[in-house]
Every structure is written in structure tokens, then in C-alpha cells.
Amino acid sequence: MTEQLSAAQKEIARLKEQYNEDVKSTKFNILLTSESGHGKTFLARTAPPLVHIDSFDPGGTKCLQNEIKKGKIIVDSSYEKEDPLRPSVYLKWKKEFQRRVSMGYFKEIETYVLDSSTTWAEAIMNWVLAKDGVAGQAPRFTKDYTPQKVEIRNMLRLILDLPCHVIVTGHLKLIEDEHTRKHKFRYFTTGQGAVTIPLLFDELWTLITKTTGDKTTYKLLLQANDAYLSRSRLAGNGLLDPVEEPDFSKLLEKVKKASSSK
């Protein structure tokens, strides 16, 4: 009995040590959504540097010129221009991403940003269509969406396995609830991805704005309401509030302080 108890205690200690040594246990991964032009990309300036951004949104990182010049943010913007008739950017990104993973690049990066998953998913669909010889045509529901969905999920799992903080941005789509006729915002991607993709992330945050007169304020919504499907394990654990100031570095410090006091 004593030997069995000793073995069990050793196993408990081993699992605790394994968890504490897992770098991902101290890193956040967030699906950050907002309406177009509400400052998702600009928020990357508050993420722990060095920040690497793979940009699929044309001109999306122009708002970060100061941080780029200071060397706090590195941007690969070579994926912003796509010819739907001869698509190439997704395959280029995939090769570059896998090459950087293999060389240990992301161990030198504090925060990886994919901006945005909405245009990234469009590039994946362009790649799917081109592989089947129908580049530039409308996706076929029964044939093209499944391989796109599988590719999105497979690559997102690799992204979320990076040894750094991960922020994936996404656009929102305005819809009308068929029962209540109220307007709601939902993650903008193809098919059931609007439901399944957010499930892969620890955190689903929404950047919202409020304009009073000539002043606009920005807030991070971490809890769902009638309009948005935000959610947060950190807020659920009492480490963060349902609504927070949009500053990633300050939120990390807040989480550390709250965790150490528990």
C-alpha cells in the first residue's frame, strides 16, 4: 500500500512539473474579432515584443509604422496581394510558416499575429479552387468547403502549438436573428467555421467602440452579450473583468498578479 501511494505521489509530482515546464501553459491564444476598421491590427502594438505579423489584409499594418521602425514589430506583408485566377499566397505562406517553425524562429518571437483569419481563409479557398482547376470560380458547396475547412483546422492547430503568444484576428459579419429580428455580430468565415474555429481558442475577445461626440473609446469585450459571442476562461476564473482596456501587455500583468494572489 505504501509503495502504491508513493508511486501515485510521484506521478502527481511528475504531471505538475510537466505542466509547469510546458511553455504553452504561460502563453495566451486569442481570436480577436471586431468590425472592419475598429483597430484589431493596431492593437498588436500593445502585445509583448518581439511581435511577428503575417498580414493577409491589404494595407492593414500601415497603422503600425512607428512600432515597425522601432523594431518592436516584424511584418511579412507578401501575402496581401492575390490574383484569384492564379492564386499563390496561401501556399507561399504555408511553406514560409513551416520553414520558420523548423528553424526555431518562433522561439525568438514573443507574439505571433495572423491578420486576418478571414482573408487567410479566402486565400485557402483560392488555393483549393486552383488545385481542382477552377480558380476564380465560385466555390461549390459540396466539393470545396470541406477541404478548406480541414486545411483551416489543421493549420490553426499548428499555429496554436507555437511556443509564443498567438493572436489571430477576424472580421465580424452583421446578421439578423431569424427569431427575434435583432442584429447580431458573428465571426466572418465560410460555412460552419463561424462555430467550429472559435472553439479552438482559449480566448474569444471582441474589440468594440463607443463614440460620444467627437470622442471614440475602445474596449475589449470578454463576455457575451446580445450582440457578440465573446468568451474568456481568464475572465471566468476571475483573473480578468468582463470588459477590459485594450492593452495586451497590461492584461498579461493583471493575470500574473491575480494568479499569484490566489
Protein backbone atom coordinates (compact mmCIF):
# COMPACT_ATOMS: atom_id res chain seq x y z
CA MET A 1 0.00 0.00 0.00
CA THR A 2 2.85 2.35 0.92
CA GLU A 3 4.63 1.61 -2.36
CA GLN A 4 1.41 2.27 -4.33
CA LEU A 5 0.87 5.58 -2.57
CA SER A 6 4.47 6.58 -3.20
CA ALA A 7 4.12 5.78 -6.90
CA ALA A 8 0.90 7.83 -7.08
CA GLN A 9 2.55 10.80 -5.38
CA LYS A 10 5.47 10.58 -7.82
CA GLU A 11 3.05 10.58 -10.73
CA ILE A 12 1.29 13.67 -9.34
CA ALA A 13 4.62 15.46 -8.95
CA ARG A 14 5.67 14.45 -12.48
CA LEU A 15 2.47 15.78 -14.04
CA LYS A 16 2.73 19.06 -12.11
CA GLU A 17 6.30 19.52 -13.27
CA GLN A 18 5.37 18.62 -16.85
CA TYR A 19 2.62 21.25 -16.86
CA ASN A 20 4.81 23.94 -15.31
CA GLU A 21 7.55 23.29 -17.86
CA ASP A 22 5.13 23.46 -20.79
CA VAL A 23 5.75 26.90 -22.28
CA LYS A 24 2.20 26.98 -23.69
CA SER A 25 0.76 26.98 -20.17
CA THR A 26 2.09 30.52 -19.70
CA LYS A 27 1.10 31.79 -23.16
CA PHE A 28 -2.27 33.07 -24.32
CA ASN A 29 -4.00 32.35 -27.61
CA ILE A 30 -6.77 34.70 -28.65
CA LEU A 31 -9.21 35.01 -31.52
CA LEU A 32 -9.62 38.78 -31.65
CA THR A 33 -12.65 39.95 -33.62
CA SER A 34 -14.17 43.31 -34.46
CA GLU A 35 -16.00 45.12 -37.16
CA SER A 36 -13.83 46.30 -40.03
CA GLY A 37 -11.71 49.33 -39.21
CA HIS A 38 -12.17 49.13 -35.43
CA GLY A 39 -8.48 48.70 -34.58
CA LYS A 40 -7.73 44.96 -34.40
CA THR A 41 -4.36 45.29 -36.12
CA PHE A 42 -3.46 48.49 -34.27
CA LEU A 43 -3.91 46.62 -31.00
CA ALA A 44 -0.87 44.48 -31.90
CA ARG A 45 1.33 47.39 -30.78
CA THR A 46 0.42 46.52 -27.17
CA ALA A 47 1.40 42.84 -27.47
CA PRO A 48 4.66 41.64 -25.89
CA PRO A 49 7.50 42.29 -28.35
CA LEU A 50 9.05 40.97 -30.49
CA VAL A 51 5.82 40.71 -32.49
CA HIS A 52 5.66 38.95 -35.86
CA ILE A 53 2.65 39.66 -38.09
CA ASP A 54 1.72 37.64 -41.16
CA SER A 55 -0.55 40.10 -42.96
CA PHE A 56 -3.23 39.00 -45.41
CA ASP A 57 -5.25 42.24 -45.14
CA PRO A 58 -4.08 44.72 -47.83
CA GLY A 59 -2.51 47.73 -46.14
CA GLY A 60 -3.61 46.52 -42.74
CA THR A 61 -0.30 47.14 -40.96
CA LYS A 62 0.25 50.73 -42.13
CA CYS A 63 -1.06 51.87 -38.73
CA LEU A 64 1.96 50.22 -37.07
CA GLN A 65 4.74 52.11 -38.86
CA ASN A 66 6.19 53.59 -35.66
CA GLU A 67 6.49 50.20 -33.94
CA ILE A 68 7.88 48.63 -37.11
CA LYS A 69 10.58 51.32 -37.38
CA LYS A 70 11.48 50.82 -33.72
CA GLY A 71 11.97 47.11 -34.38
CA LYS A 72 9.23 46.00 -31.99
CA ILE A 73 7.11 44.53 -34.79
CA ILE A 74 8.15 42.50 -37.82
CA VAL A 75 5.69 42.25 -40.71
CA ASP A 76 5.56 39.84 -43.61
CA SER A 77 3.17 41.63 -45.97
CA SER A 78 3.96 39.49 -49.02
CA TYR A 79 0.58 37.75 -48.64
CA GLU A 80 -1.55 40.86 -49.12
CA LYS A 81 -1.79 40.72 -52.92
CA GLU A 82 -3.57 37.80 -54.52
CA ASP A 83 -4.61 37.06 -58.09
CA PRO A 84 -7.68 34.80 -57.75
CA LEU A 85 -7.09 33.46 -61.26
CA ARG A 86 -3.53 32.45 -60.34
CA PRO A 87 -3.59 32.15 -56.55
CA SER A 88 -0.27 31.67 -54.79
CA VAL A 89 -0.21 33.44 -51.44
CA TYR A 90 -1.59 30.64 -49.26
CA LEU A 91 0.90 28.05 -50.48
CA LYS A 92 3.69 30.64 -50.10
CA TRP A 93 2.59 31.38 -46.53
CA LYS A 94 2.34 27.68 -45.65
CA LYS A 95 5.87 26.96 -46.86
CA GLU A 96 7.28 30.01 -45.07
CA PHE A 97 5.43 29.19 -41.85
CA GLN A 98 6.64 25.60 -41.83
CA ARG A 99 10.19 26.72 -42.65
CA ARG A 100 10.18 29.17 -39.74
CA VAL A 101 8.81 26.54 -37.37
CA SER A 102 11.60 24.13 -38.42
CA MET A 103 14.34 26.72 -37.87
CA GLY A 104 13.07 27.61 -34.38
CA TYR A 105 12.12 31.13 -35.45
CA PHE A 106 9.09 31.37 -33.19
CA LYS A 107 11.19 30.62 -30.10
CA GLU A 108 12.69 34.08 -30.65
CA ILE A 109 9.26 35.71 -31.04
CA GLU A 110 7.06 36.73 -28.11
CA THR A 111 3.83 37.21 -30.08
CA TYR A 112 2.66 35.80 -33.41
CA VAL A 113 -0.24 37.57 -35.16
CA LEU A 114 -2.21 36.22 -38.14
CA ASP A 115 -4.02 39.19 -39.65
CA SER A 116 -6.64 38.32 -40.56
CA SER A 117 -8.05 34.82 -40.46
CA THR A 118 -10.93 35.99 -42.65
CA THR A 119 -8.72 36.93 -45.62
CA TRP A 120 -6.40 33.99 -44.83
CA ALA A 121 -9.38 31.63 -45.20
CA GLU A 122 -10.22 33.29 -48.53
CA ALA A 123 -6.66 32.58 -49.69
CA ILE A 124 -7.10 28.95 -48.66
CA MET A 125 -10.29 28.73 -50.71
CA ASN A 126 -8.46 30.23 -53.72
CA TRP A 127 -5.82 27.52 -53.29
CA VAL A 128 -8.48 24.77 -53.06
CA LEU A 129 -10.17 26.00 -56.24
CA ALA A 130 -6.87 26.26 -58.13
CA LYS A 131 -5.91 22.70 -57.17
CA ASP A 132 -9.13 21.49 -58.79
CA GLY A 133 -8.60 23.60 -61.92
CA VAL A 134 -11.43 26.07 -61.24
CA ALA A 135 -9.51 29.09 -59.98
CA GLY A 136 -11.54 32.28 -59.86
CA GLN A 137 -14.89 30.50 -59.90
CA ALA A 138 -17.50 30.39 -57.14
CA PRO A 139 -16.89 27.68 -54.51
CA ARG A 140 -19.01 24.56 -54.91
CA PHE A 141 -20.76 23.79 -51.65
CA THR A 142 -20.45 20.01 -51.74
CA LYS A 143 -16.87 19.91 -53.02
CA ASP A 144 -14.78 22.90 -51.97
CA TYR A 145 -15.81 23.88 -48.45
CA THR A 146 -14.82 20.59 -46.81
CA PRO A 147 -11.15 20.64 -47.93
CA GLN A 148 -10.98 24.32 -47.00
CA LYS A 149 -12.37 23.57 -43.53
CA VAL A 150 -9.92 20.72 -42.99
CA GLU A 151 -6.96 22.86 -44.06
CA ILE A 152 -8.03 25.73 -41.81
CA ARG A 153 -8.36 23.48 -38.77
CA ASN A 154 -5.09 21.64 -39.43
CA MET A 155 -3.06 24.82 -39.82
CA LEU A 156 -4.71 26.58 -36.90
CA ARG A 157 -3.74 23.68 -34.65
CA LEU A 158 -0.11 24.16 -35.74
CA ILE A 159 -0.35 27.90 -35.14
CA LEU A 160 -1.82 27.39 -31.67
CA ASP A 161 1.02 25.00 -30.86
CA LEU A 162 3.64 27.74 -31.29
CA PRO A 163 5.87 28.47 -28.26
CA CYS A 164 4.73 32.11 -28.10
CA HIS A 165 1.60 34.17 -27.58
CA VAL A 166 -0.80 33.85 -30.53
CA ILE A 167 -3.30 36.45 -31.70
CA VAL A 168 -5.49 35.60 -34.68
CA THR A 169 -7.68 38.44 -35.87
CA GLY A 170 -11.02 38.02 -37.60
CA HIS A 171 -13.70 40.21 -39.10
CA LEU A 172 -17.30 40.21 -37.96
CA LYS A 173 -20.44 39.87 -40.05
CA LEU A 174 -23.72 41.57 -39.18
CA ILE A 175 -26.66 39.17 -39.24
CA GLU A 176 -30.30 39.32 -38.22
CA ASP A 177 -31.65 36.77 -35.76
CA GLU A 178 -34.47 34.96 -37.55
CA HIS A 179 -36.49 34.65 -34.34
CA THR A 180 -36.01 37.98 -32.57
CA ARG A 181 -35.12 40.09 -35.63
CA LYS A 182 -32.33 41.63 -33.56
CA HIS A 183 -28.99 42.37 -35.19
CA LYS A 184 -26.00 40.31 -34.06
CA PHE A 185 -22.34 40.08 -35.00
CA ARG A 186 -20.72 36.75 -35.75
CA TYR A 187 -17.22 35.67 -36.75
CA PHE A 188 -16.92 36.06 -40.51
CA THR A 189 -15.68 32.94 -42.26
CA THR A 190 -17.10 30.26 -44.54
CA GLY A 191 -19.61 27.58 -43.60
CA GLN A 192 -19.64 26.13 -40.10
CA GLY A 193 -16.22 27.68 -39.42
CA ALA A 194 -18.03 30.53 -37.67
CA VAL A 195 -18.89 27.99 -34.96
CA THR A 196 -16.02 25.49 -35.04
CA ILE A 197 -12.98 27.78 -35.42
CA PRO A 198 -13.58 29.84 -32.25
CA LEU A 199 -13.74 26.59 -30.27
CA LEU A 200 -10.02 26.03 -30.94
CA PHE A 201 -9.04 29.15 -28.98
CA ASP A 202 -8.71 29.69 -25.24
CA GLU A 203 -9.99 33.24 -25.58
CA LEU A 204 -12.54 34.85 -27.90
CA TRP A 205 -12.38 38.62 -27.46
CA THR A 206 -14.21 41.37 -29.31
CA LEU A 207 -12.88 44.88 -29.77
CA ILE A 208 -15.79 47.29 -29.55
CA THR A 209 -16.01 51.06 -29.85
CA LYS A 210 -18.29 53.76 -28.49
CA THR A 211 -18.44 57.24 -30.00
CA THR A 212 -19.64 60.18 -27.96
CA GLY A 213 -19.50 63.46 -29.84
CA ASP A 214 -16.05 63.57 -31.44
CA LYS A 215 -14.50 61.09 -28.99
CA THR A 216 -14.21 57.36 -29.65
CA THR A 217 -13.34 54.92 -26.86
CA TYR A 218 -12.16 51.34 -27.35
CA LYS A 219 -12.92 48.39 -25.07
CA LEU A 220 -12.25 44.66 -25.11
CA LEU A 221 -15.39 42.62 -24.54
CA LEU A 222 -14.56 39.30 -22.87
CA GLN A 223 -18.10 38.16 -22.11
CA ALA A 224 -21.01 37.51 -24.46
CA ASN A 225 -23.96 39.86 -24.72
CA ASP A 226 -26.94 40.15 -27.05
CA ALA A 227 -24.76 41.27 -29.96
CA TYR A 228 -21.40 39.48 -29.55
CA LEU A 229 -20.24 35.94 -28.72
CA SER A 230 -17.16 36.85 -26.69
CA ARG A 231 -15.91 34.46 -24.02
CA SER A 232 -12.87 34.16 -21.77
CA ARG A 233 -11.51 31.44 -19.50
CA LEU A 234 -9.42 34.11 -17.77
CA ALA A 235 -12.49 36.24 -17.04
CA GLY A 236 -14.37 33.13 -15.97
CA ASN A 237 -11.62 32.38 -13.46
CA GLY A 238 -11.82 35.90 -12.08
CA LEU A 239 -8.41 36.91 -13.45
CA LEU A 240 -9.87 39.46 -15.85
CA ASP A 241 -13.04 41.54 -15.93
CA PRO A 242 -15.84 41.07 -18.50
CA VAL A 243 -14.80 44.38 -20.10
CA GLU A 244 -11.15 45.46 -20.17
CA GLU A 245 -8.94 48.20 -21.56
CA PRO A 246 -7.40 47.10 -24.90
CA ASP A 247 -3.77 46.57 -23.90
CA PHE A 248 -2.34 43.06 -24.12
CA SER A 249 0.77 43.72 -22.03
CA LYS A 250 -1.24 45.25 -19.18
CA LEU A 251 -3.71 42.36 -19.29
CA LEU A 252 -0.85 39.86 -19.01
CA GLU A 253 0.47 41.67 -15.96
CA LYS A 254 -3.01 41.70 -14.47
CA VAL A 255 -3.32 37.94 -14.99
CA LYS A 256 0.08 37.31 -13.36
CA LYS A 257 -0.79 39.44 -10.32
CA ALA A 258 -4.21 37.85 -9.93
CA SER A 259 -2.75 34.34 -10.28
CA SER A 260 -0.03 34.96 -7.68
CA SER A 261 -2.56 36.27 -5.17
CA LYS A 262 -4.79 33.20 -5.37
